[in-house]
Amino acid sequence: MWIILLSLAAGAAIGYFLKLSNKQKKINSKVQQFGVIFLLFSMGISAGSNKSVIANLKSIGSTSLTFAVLTSLFSIILVFIVTNKFMKGEDHK
């Protein structure tokens, strides 16, 4: 856990103190994209090798879908309420 937090802090410090050129930002973007793809791939291997995950895939999928839909729905409702309450009279473009 500490290695993850230290890596995050080191990256934040480097990003704050060193200004990256556009070329370096593009390279960093590709490295980040590769990292995310590798993370998803390794998570897929882990989930696929777990027999209880495979056995409960239908239940996990329906729970995940419900969570995603409700989270999105209530986020939209909350943004609508906050926008109407605090942004009255402002141009909503």
C-alpha atoms as a PDB file:
ATOM      1  CA  MET A   1       0.000   0.000   0.000  1.00  0.00           C
ATOM      2  CA  TRP A   2       2.810   2.396   0.870  1.00  0.00           C
ATOM      3  CA  ILE A   3       4.483   1.884  -2.495  1.00  0.00           C
ATOM      4  CA  ILE A   4       1.285   2.973  -4.239  1.00  0.00           C
ATOM      5  CA  LEU A   5       0.930   6.117  -2.116  1.00  0.00           C
ATOM      6  CA  LEU A   6       4.620   6.999  -2.498  1.00  0.00           C
ATOM      7  CA  SER A   7       4.397   6.508  -6.274  1.00  0.00           C
ATOM      8  CA  LEU A   8       1.352   8.754  -6.428  1.00  0.00           C
ATOM      9  CA  ALA A   9       3.042  11.431  -4.296  1.00  0.00           C
ATOM     10  CA  ALA A  10       6.228  11.254  -6.379  1.00  0.00           C
ATOM     11  CA  GLY A  11       4.249  11.615  -9.602  1.00  0.00           C
ATOM     12  CA  ALA A  12       2.290  14.551  -8.212  1.00  0.00           C
ATOM     13  CA  ALA A  13       5.511  16.268  -7.081  1.00  0.00           C
ATOM     14  CA  ILE A  14       7.154  15.742 -10.458  1.00  0.00           C
ATOM     15  CA  GLY A  15       4.064  17.059 -12.229  1.00  0.00           C
ATOM     16  CA  TYR A  16       3.916  20.098  -9.951  1.00  0.00           C
ATOM     17  CA  PHE A  17       7.586  21.088 -10.006  1.00  0.00           C
ATOM     18  CA  LEU A  18       8.606  20.044 -13.522  1.00  0.00           C
ATOM     19  CA  LYS A  19       6.688  21.467 -16.428  1.00  0.00           C
ATOM     20  CA  LEU A  20       6.456  18.891 -19.179  1.00  0.00           C
ATOM     21  CA  SER A  21       6.724  19.812 -22.838  1.00  0.00           C
ATOM     22  CA  ASN A  22       3.955  18.837 -25.231  1.00  0.00           C
ATOM     23  CA  LYS A  23       6.076  15.927 -26.492  1.00  0.00           C
ATOM     24  CA  GLN A  24       6.619  14.692 -22.929  1.00  0.00           C
ATOM     25  CA  LYS A  25       2.907  15.022 -22.214  1.00  0.00           C
ATOM     26  CA  LYS A  26       2.103  12.873 -25.267  1.00  0.00           C
ATOM     27  CA  ILE A  27       4.600  10.226 -24.133  1.00  0.00           C
ATOM     28  CA  ASN A  28       3.157  10.343 -20.607  1.00  0.00           C
ATOM     29  CA  SER A  29      -0.336   9.920 -22.047  1.00  0.00           C
ATOM     30  CA  LYS A  30       0.746   6.785 -23.940  1.00  0.00           C
ATOM     31  CA  VAL A  31       2.415   5.361 -20.804  1.00  0.00           C
ATOM     32  CA  GLN A  32      -0.757   6.019 -18.798  1.00  0.00           C
ATOM     33  CA  GLN A  33      -2.902   4.381 -21.469  1.00  0.00           C
ATOM     34  CA  PHE A  34      -0.646   1.318 -21.520  1.00  0.00           C
ATOM     35  CA  GLY A  35      -0.773   1.166 -17.713  1.00  0.00           C
ATOM     36  CA  VAL A  36      -4.580   1.215 -17.673  1.00  0.00           C
ATOM     37  CA  ILE A  37      -4.783  -1.445 -20.376  1.00  0.00           C
ATOM     38  CA  PHE A  38      -2.308  -3.645 -18.483  1.00  0.00           C
ATOM     39  CA  LEU A  39      -4.271  -3.136 -15.255  1.00  0.00           C
ATOM     40  CA  LEU A  40      -7.559  -4.143 -16.930  1.00  0.00           C
ATOM     41  CA  PHE A  41      -5.892  -7.148 -18.546  1.00  0.00           C
ATOM     42  CA  SER A  42      -4.445  -8.367 -15.247  1.00  0.00           C
ATOM     43  CA  MET A  43      -7.780  -7.815 -13.483  1.00  0.00           C
ATOM     44  CA  GLY A  44      -9.465  -9.860 -16.214  1.00  0.00           C
ATOM     45  CA  ILE A  45      -7.000 -12.696 -15.685  1.00  0.00           C
ATOM     46  CA  SER A  46      -7.606 -12.553 -11.935  1.00  0.00           C
ATOM     47  CA  ALA A  47     -11.398 -12.549 -12.332  1.00  0.00           C
ATOM     48  CA  GLY A  48     -11.331 -15.281 -14.980  1.00  0.00           C
ATOM     49  CA  SER A  49      -9.254 -17.588 -12.831  1.00  0.00           C
ATOM     50  CA  ASN A  50     -11.554 -17.186  -9.822  1.00  0.00           C
ATOM     51  CA  LYS A  51     -14.194 -19.916 -10.077  1.00  0.00           C
ATOM     52  CA  SER A  52     -16.604 -18.207  -7.666  1.00  0.00           C
ATOM     53  CA  VAL A  53     -16.587 -15.051  -9.794  1.00  0.00           C
ATOM     54  CA  ILE A  54     -17.383 -17.065 -12.910  1.00  0.00           C
ATOM     55  CA  ALA A  55     -20.126 -18.989 -11.084  1.00  0.00           C
ATOM     56  CA  ASN A  56     -21.752 -15.764  -9.835  1.00  0.00           C
ATOM     57  CA  LEU A  57     -21.219 -13.719 -13.000  1.00  0.00           C
ATOM     58  CA  LYS A  58     -24.941 -13.184 -13.640  1.00  0.00           C
ATOM     59  CA  SER A  59     -25.551 -11.917 -10.107  1.00  0.00           C
ATOM     60  CA  ILE A  60     -22.436  -9.730 -10.158  1.00  0.00           C
ATOM     61  CA  GLY A  61     -23.438  -8.280 -13.537  1.00  0.00           C
ATOM     62  CA  SER A  62     -26.979  -7.399 -12.478  1.00  0.00           C
ATOM     63  CA  THR A  63     -25.725  -5.835  -9.236  1.00  0.00           C
ATOM     64  CA  SER A  64     -23.105  -3.825 -11.159  1.00  0.00           C
ATOM     65  CA  LEU A  65     -25.664  -2.647 -13.704  1.00  0.00           C
ATOM     66  CA  THR A  66     -28.083  -1.599 -10.951  1.00  0.00           C
ATOM     67  CA  PHE A  67     -25.334   0.283  -9.134  1.00  0.00           C
ATOM     68  CA  ALA A  68     -24.198   2.056 -12.325  1.00  0.00           C
ATOM     69  CA  VAL A  69     -27.727   3.069 -13.346  1.00  0.00           C
ATOM     70  CA  LEU A  70     -28.696   4.319  -9.880  1.00  0.00           C
ATOM     71  CA  THR A  71     -25.422   6.201  -9.455  1.00  0.00           C
ATOM     72  CA  SER A  72     -25.885   7.941 -12.801  1.00  0.00           C
ATOM     73  CA  LEU A  73     -29.553   8.678 -12.167  1.00  0.00           C
ATOM     74  CA  PHE A  74     -29.013  10.200  -8.725  1.00  0.00           C
ATOM     75  CA  SER A  75     -25.993  12.186  -9.981  1.00  0.00           C
ATOM     76  CA  ILE A  76     -28.151  13.722 -12.712  1.00  0.00           C
ATOM     77  CA  ILE A  77     -30.926  14.490 -10.224  1.00  0.00           C
ATOM     78  CA  LEU A  78     -28.478  16.070  -7.756  1.00  0.00           C
ATOM     79  CA  VAL A  79     -26.857  18.215 -10.458  1.00  0.00           C
ATOM     80  CA  PHE A  80     -30.310  19.330 -11.615  1.00  0.00           C
ATOM     81  CA  ILE A  81     -31.328  20.306  -8.054  1.00  0.00           C
ATOM     82  CA  VAL A  82     -28.051  22.099  -7.267  1.00  0.00           C
ATOM     83  CA  THR A  83     -28.071  23.914 -10.613  1.00  0.00           C
ATOM     84  CA  ASN A  84     -31.631  25.134 -10.119  1.00  0.00           C
ATOM     85  CA  LYS A  85     -31.004  26.175  -6.519  1.00  0.00           C
ATOM     86  CA  PHE A  86     -27.661  27.964  -6.842  1.00  0.00           C
ATOM     87  CA  MET A  87     -27.606  29.166 -10.439  1.00  0.00           C
ATOM     88  CA  LYS A  88     -30.891  31.008 -10.691  1.00  0.00           C
ATOM     89  CA  GLY A  89     -30.726  33.981 -13.007  1.00  0.00           C
ATOM     90  CA  GLU A  90     -27.455  32.884 -14.600  1.00  0.00           C
ATOM     91  CA  ASP A  91     -27.143  31.947 -18.232  1.00  0.00           C
ATOM     92  CA  HIS A  92     -26.985  28.098 -18.439  1.00  0.00           C
ATOM     93  CA  LYS A  93     -25.078  27.766 -21.720  1.00  0.00           C
END
